[in-house]
């Protein structure tokens, strides 16, 4: 290997390392800026609904689904009866239950249909979306707005990240914030929550 090749590899490494740091700063900065736009008072009805519901159902597709699965796990650790829609052991939703639906656009057909079915049986629906005037938001009894870019907003004014990345990231953070408050109000020691963690892995 000659010196020119080694110099080029060193430059490539340095360039990539620099770009990775810039991207890390970008992701963190966008989430921090978004956090400052959130009206935390708007989360209080969500917390109340989770506390009052006999059963909590969560549903989202794609990467938003991964974020809500994390939330479902934490709510289970609190001792709540929680189901993620689409799992084979998820029962029928019924009157009095809570359905938490996340959709950046608020127009994903399967998410809107899930909300409509829940409303039809007398369950409460809470929507988490970027779009307050969307079909999903209109059928929900309460809507939590995350003012991030939707998947089709490609002009980069709300986020420089790809597609709905910021919404999906912040959804996870937001639900962890909700969990922290629920846990504090519940008062169960961490040692008790730990007993509910999966032990067959």
Protein backbone atom coordinates (compact mmCIF):
# COMPACT_ATOMS: atom_id res chain seq x y z
CA UNK A 1 0.00 0.00 0.00
CA UNK A 2 1.53 3.34 -1.01
CA UNK A 3 1.47 6.56 0.94
CA UNK A 4 -1.20 8.11 -1.30
CA UNK A 5 -3.63 5.26 -0.60
CA UNK A 6 -2.97 5.50 3.14
CA UNK A 7 -3.52 9.27 3.06
CA UNK A 8 -6.81 8.82 1.19
CA UNK A 9 -8.02 6.21 3.69
CA UNK A 10 -7.12 8.51 6.55
CA UNK A 11 -9.01 11.36 4.91
CA UNK A 12 -12.03 9.13 4.27
CA UNK A 13 -12.02 7.99 7.91
CA UNK A 14 -11.76 11.54 9.18
CA UNK A 15 -14.51 12.72 6.83
CA UNK A 16 -16.85 9.92 7.87
CA UNK A 17 -16.14 10.49 11.55
CA UNK A 18 -16.84 14.20 11.12
CA UNK A 19 -20.10 13.49 9.27
CA UNK A 20 -21.22 11.03 11.95
CA UNK A 21 -20.70 13.64 14.65
CA UNK A 22 -22.63 16.21 12.62
CA UNK A 23 -25.50 13.75 12.17
CA UNK A 24 -25.55 12.95 15.88
CA UNK A 25 -25.71 16.66 16.65
CA UNK A 26 -28.49 17.07 14.07
CA UNK A 27 -30.69 14.32 15.52
CA UNK A 28 -30.23 15.50 19.09
CA UNK A 29 -30.73 19.17 18.22
CA UNK A 30 -33.94 18.53 16.29
CA UNK A 31 -35.40 16.52 19.16
CA UNK A 32 -34.45 19.18 21.69
CA UNK A 33 -35.98 21.93 19.56
CA UNK A 34 -39.13 19.86 19.11
CA UNK A 35 -39.37 19.21 22.85
CA UNK A 36 -39.54 22.96 23.43
CA UNK A 37 -42.58 23.17 21.14
CA UNK A 38 -44.58 20.50 22.97
CA UNK A 39 -47.46 21.65 25.16
CA UNK A 40 -47.05 19.30 28.11
CA UNK A 41 -50.54 20.20 29.38
CA UNK A 42 -51.80 18.32 26.34
CA UNK A 43 -50.30 15.13 27.77
CA UNK A 44 -52.39 15.25 30.95
CA UNK A 45 -55.55 13.80 29.33
CA UNK A 46 -53.40 11.00 27.88
CA UNK A 47 -52.06 10.15 31.33
CA UNK A 48 -55.56 10.27 32.83
CA UNK A 49 -56.97 8.03 30.11
CA UNK A 50 -54.23 5.44 30.63
CA UNK A 51 -54.85 5.44 34.38
CA UNK A 52 -58.61 5.03 34.00
CA UNK A 53 -58.74 2.47 31.21
CA UNK A 54 -59.29 -1.18 32.17
CA UNK A 55 -57.16 -2.17 29.18
CA UNK A 56 -54.82 -0.20 26.93
CA UNK A 57 -54.37 -1.02 23.24
CA UNK A 58 -51.62 0.58 21.15
CA UNK A 59 -51.29 0.59 17.38
CA UNK A 60 -49.00 2.11 14.77
CA UNK A 61 -47.27 0.92 11.64
CA UNK A 62 -43.66 0.94 10.49
CA UNK A 63 -41.09 2.71 12.65
CA UNK A 64 -43.84 4.41 14.65
CA UNK A 65 -44.95 0.91 15.55
CA UNK A 66 -41.52 0.11 16.97
CA UNK A 67 -41.72 3.25 19.12
CA UNK A 68 -45.16 2.35 20.45
CA UNK A 69 -44.09 -1.23 21.15
CA UNK A 70 -41.51 0.22 23.50
CA UNK A 71 -44.26 2.20 25.20
CA UNK A 72 -46.45 -0.90 25.47
CA UNK A 73 -43.62 -2.73 27.22
CA UNK A 74 -43.14 0.05 29.76
CA UNK A 75 -46.89 0.21 30.51
CA UNK A 76 -46.83 -3.55 31.06
CA UNK A 77 -43.94 -3.07 33.50
CA UNK A 78 -46.24 -0.76 35.45
CA UNK A 79 -48.68 -3.64 35.80
CA UNK A 80 -51.26 -2.40 33.29
CA UNK A 81 -53.16 -4.74 30.98
CA UNK A 82 -51.64 -3.75 27.64
CA UNK A 83 -51.90 -5.08 24.09
CA UNK A 84 -50.24 -4.12 20.82
CA UNK A 85 -52.74 -4.43 17.98
CA UNK A 86 -51.77 -7.08 15.45
CA UNK A 87 -50.13 -9.47 17.89
CA UNK A 88 -51.74 -12.91 17.80
CA UNK A 89 -52.80 -12.77 21.45
CA UNK A 90 -54.47 -9.34 21.23
CA UNK A 91 -58.16 -9.68 22.19
CA UNK A 92 -61.13 -7.69 20.92
CA UNK A 93 -61.30 -4.12 22.11
CA UNK A 94 -64.47 -3.25 24.01
CA UNK A 95 -66.36 -0.42 25.66
CA UNK A 96 -64.27 1.53 28.14
CA UNK A 97 -60.91 0.41 26.76
CA UNK A 98 -58.35 2.87 25.44
CA UNK A 99 -56.82 2.76 21.97
CA UNK A 100 -53.66 4.81 21.51
CA UNK A 101 -53.01 5.34 17.80
CA UNK A 102 -49.87 6.95 16.36
CA UNK A 103 -49.72 8.12 12.75
CA UNK A 104 -47.59 11.00 11.56
CA UNK A 105 -49.95 11.88 8.71
CA UNK A 106 -53.12 10.89 10.56
CA UNK A 107 -54.38 9.43 7.29
CA UNK A 108 -52.89 5.92 7.25
CA UNK A 109 -55.97 3.89 6.23
CA UNK A 110 -55.38 1.00 8.63
CA UNK A 111 -54.89 3.38 11.54
CA UNK A 112 -58.04 5.34 10.73
CA UNK A 113 -60.01 2.09 10.46
CA UNK A 114 -58.67 0.91 13.81
CA UNK A 115 -59.81 4.17 15.36
CA UNK A 116 -63.24 3.92 13.78
CA UNK A 117 -63.73 0.36 15.03
CA UNK A 118 -62.69 1.35 18.53
CA UNK A 119 -65.13 4.27 18.58
CA UNK A 120 -67.90 2.01 17.26
CA UNK A 121 -67.62 -0.33 20.26
CA UNK A 122 -67.41 2.50 22.79
CA UNK A 123 -63.66 2.56 23.38
CA UNK A 124 -61.77 5.82 23.76
CA UNK A 125 -59.27 6.81 21.08
CA UNK A 126 -56.26 9.03 21.56
CA UNK A 127 -54.33 10.03 18.45
CA UNK A 128 -50.69 11.04 18.29
CA UNK A 129 -49.98 12.77 15.00
CA UNK A 130 -48.43 15.76 13.25
CA UNK A 131 -51.78 16.66 11.65
CA UNK A 132 -54.50 18.16 13.90
CA UNK A 133 -57.02 18.30 11.04
CA UNK A 134 -56.47 14.71 9.88
CA UNK A 135 -59.12 11.98 9.73
CA UNK A 136 -57.52 10.23 12.70
CA UNK A 137 -57.52 13.37 14.83
CA UNK A 138 -61.15 14.08 14.01
CA UNK A 139 -62.38 10.76 15.39
CA UNK A 140 -60.21 10.82 18.53
CA UNK A 141 -61.57 12.16 21.80
CA UNK A 142 -58.12 13.63 22.43
CA UNK A 143 -55.16 14.36 20.15
CA UNK A 144 -51.51 14.83 21.01
CA UNK A 145 -49.75 16.87 18.35
CA UNK A 146 -46.07 16.33 17.60
CA UNK A 147 -45.16 19.24 15.29
CA UNK A 148 -42.60 17.27 13.31
CA UNK A 149 -42.39 16.67 9.58
CA UNK A 150 -44.66 14.08 8.03
CA UNK A 151 -43.27 11.41 5.71
CA UNK A 152 -44.32 13.34 2.62
CA UNK A 153 -42.95 16.70 3.78
CA UNK A 154 -39.68 16.62 1.87
CA UNK A 155 -38.80 20.31 1.74
CA UNK A 156 -36.77 20.05 4.96
CA UNK A 157 -38.30 23.00 6.78
CA UNK A 158 -39.34 21.01 9.86
CA UNK A 159 -36.58 18.42 9.79
CA UNK A 160 -33.44 17.69 7.79
CA UNK A 161 -33.79 14.00 8.55
CA UNK A 162 -35.31 11.54 6.13
CA UNK A 163 -39.09 11.11 5.94
CA UNK A 164 -40.80 10.78 9.33
CA UNK A 165 -37.66 10.06 11.34
CA UNK A 166 -38.10 12.96 13.75
CA UNK A 167 -41.73 12.03 14.49
CA UNK A 168 -40.77 8.41 15.12
CA UNK A 169 -37.86 9.34 17.38
CA UNK A 170 -39.86 11.85 19.36
CA UNK A 171 -42.78 9.45 19.72
CA UNK A 172 -40.50 7.12 21.67
CA UNK A 173 -39.20 9.98 23.83
CA UNK A 174 -42.68 11.36 24.44
CA UNK A 175 -44.04 8.02 25.61
CA UNK A 176 -41.04 7.57 27.91
CA UNK A 177 -41.89 10.97 29.41
CA UNK A 178 -45.47 9.80 29.94
CA UNK A 179 -44.23 6.58 31.51
CA UNK A 180 -41.95 8.45 33.91
CA UNK A 181 -44.90 10.51 35.18
CA UNK A 182 -47.16 7.47 35.46
CA UNK A 183 -44.45 5.62 37.37
CA UNK A 184 -43.92 8.49 39.78
CA UNK A 185 -47.66 8.72 40.48
CA UNK A 186 -47.92 4.96 40.85
CA UNK A 187 -45.08 4.82 43.32
CA UNK A 188 -44.14 1.19 42.68
CA UNK A 189 -40.45 0.58 43.41
CA UNK A 190 -38.19 -0.22 40.47
CA UNK A 191 -37.54 -3.63 42.04
CA UNK A 192 -41.22 -4.51 41.64
CA UNK A 193 -41.29 -3.34 38.02
CA UNK A 194 -38.23 -5.46 37.32
CA UNK A 195 -40.14 -8.60 38.34
CA UNK A 196 -42.42 -8.04 35.34
CA UNK A 197 -39.58 -7.97 32.82
CA UNK A 198 -39.43 -10.86 30.34
CA UNK A 199 -37.50 -13.83 31.73
CA UNK A 200 -37.81 -16.31 28.86
CA UNK A 201 -35.36 -14.57 26.55
